[in-house]
Amino acid sequence: MNVTSRSNQAGSVAALIAPRGTQRFKYSQNFGLSVHKSFTVLHERVKIGPSLDIHNIFNFSTILGQQPNQDSANANYVDYMLTPRLARLGVVVSF
């Protein structure tokens, strides 16, 4: 909650319900998968390596940060979440 009636025209101060660092969230789960394979072509002069990387396979949306000030317009606002599922395709060519 915000305390605005302070003596000597002092600025407002945020009084939190619980001390900073005491709020705990669910444990974070993040599972990723990476697949790489190399092939040799053109009389063993060129090597091609396709790859696939998938991050956060199960698409968990775990809350990592939340607004602790209960007397503000954005009380309990979620600040940070675990990143969504992400897939990346790649190719490495060596010659």
Protein backbone atom coordinates (compact mmCIF):
# COMPACT_ATOMS: atom_id res chain seq x y z
CA MET A 1 0.00 0.00 0.00
CA ASN A 2 1.17 3.56 -0.62
CA VAL A 3 1.56 5.93 2.33
CA THR A 4 1.14 9.52 1.11
CA SER A 5 0.39 11.43 4.34
CA ARG A 6 3.94 11.91 5.61
CA SER A 7 5.12 14.87 7.69
CA ASN A 8 7.27 17.71 6.33
CA GLN A 9 5.93 17.17 2.79
CA ALA A 10 7.98 14.02 2.36
CA GLY A 11 7.26 11.97 -0.75
CA SER A 12 5.07 8.90 -0.77
CA VAL A 13 6.48 5.51 0.16
CA ALA A 14 5.32 2.03 -0.84
CA ALA A 15 4.60 -0.20 2.15
CA LEU A 16 4.63 -3.79 0.92
CA ILE A 17 2.45 -6.48 2.48
CA ALA A 18 5.44 -8.84 2.71
CA PRO A 19 9.16 -7.98 2.72
CA ARG A 20 10.96 -8.11 -0.65
CA GLY A 21 12.28 -11.53 -1.57
CA THR A 22 9.82 -13.50 0.57
CA GLN A 23 7.27 -14.11 -2.19
CA ARG A 24 7.88 -17.51 -3.83
CA PHE A 25 6.50 -18.71 -7.13
CA LYS A 26 6.05 -22.19 -8.55
CA TYR A 27 9.26 -23.94 -9.43
CA SER A 28 10.34 -23.40 -13.01
CA GLN A 29 10.34 -26.25 -15.53
CA ASN A 30 11.95 -25.85 -18.92
CA PHE A 31 12.61 -28.79 -21.21
CA GLY A 32 14.48 -28.45 -24.50
CA LEU A 33 15.48 -30.76 -27.32
CA SER A 34 18.29 -30.44 -29.84
CA VAL A 35 18.92 -32.68 -32.87
CA HIS A 36 22.00 -32.37 -35.13
CA LYS A 37 23.25 -34.56 -37.97
CA SER A 38 26.19 -34.11 -40.37
CA PHE A 39 26.42 -35.39 -43.94
CA THR A 40 29.45 -35.43 -46.21
CA VAL A 41 28.82 -34.73 -49.90
CA LEU A 42 30.79 -33.97 -53.12
CA HIS A 43 33.64 -36.47 -52.71
CA GLU A 44 33.98 -35.67 -48.99
CA ARG A 45 34.82 -32.00 -49.68
CA VAL A 46 31.60 -30.45 -48.34
CA LYS A 47 29.96 -31.15 -45.01
CA ILE A 48 26.30 -30.19 -44.45
CA GLY A 49 24.84 -30.21 -40.95
CA PRO A 50 21.10 -29.57 -40.50
CA SER A 51 19.86 -28.96 -36.94
CA LEU A 52 16.61 -28.54 -35.01
CA ASP A 53 16.40 -26.90 -31.58
CA ILE A 54 13.15 -26.75 -29.59
CA HIS A 55 12.97 -24.78 -26.33
CA ASN A 56 10.19 -25.08 -23.69
CA ILE A 57 8.67 -28.13 -25.38
CA PHE A 58 5.74 -28.48 -22.97
CA ASN A 59 5.00 -24.72 -23.18
CA PHE A 60 4.86 -24.11 -19.42
CA SER A 61 3.82 -20.52 -18.67
CA THR A 62 5.37 -20.20 -15.22
CA ILE A 63 5.16 -16.78 -13.55
CA LEU A 64 8.64 -15.47 -12.73
CA GLY A 65 7.74 -11.98 -11.42
CA GLN A 66 4.62 -10.25 -10.13
CA GLN A 67 3.76 -6.75 -8.80
CA PRO A 68 3.87 -6.97 -4.97
CA ASN A 69 2.34 -3.54 -4.19
CA GLN A 70 -1.33 -4.20 -3.39
CA ASP A 71 -2.46 -0.56 -3.36
CA SER A 72 -1.50 0.27 -6.93
CA ALA A 73 -3.45 0.28 -10.18
CA ASN A 74 -1.50 -2.76 -11.36
CA ALA A 75 -1.72 -4.89 -8.20
CA ASN A 76 -0.81 -8.54 -8.83
CA TYR A 77 0.24 -7.65 -12.40
CA VAL A 78 2.43 -10.37 -13.90
CA ASP A 79 5.78 -8.79 -14.86
CA TYR A 80 7.70 -11.80 -16.19
CA MET A 81 6.77 -15.24 -17.50
CA LEU A 82 8.78 -18.15 -18.85
CA THR A 83 9.34 -17.70 -22.58
CA PRO A 84 6.93 -19.55 -24.91
CA ARG A 85 7.76 -22.58 -27.03
CA LEU A 86 10.40 -21.82 -29.64
CA ALA A 87 11.66 -23.90 -32.57
CA ARG A 88 14.79 -23.07 -34.56
CA LEU A 89 15.95 -24.73 -37.79
CA GLY A 90 19.52 -24.33 -38.95
CA VAL A 91 22.02 -25.55 -41.51
CA VAL A 92 25.82 -25.45 -41.29
CA VAL A 93 27.80 -25.83 -44.51
CA SER A 94 31.55 -26.44 -44.26
CA PHE A 95 33.84 -26.63 -47.28
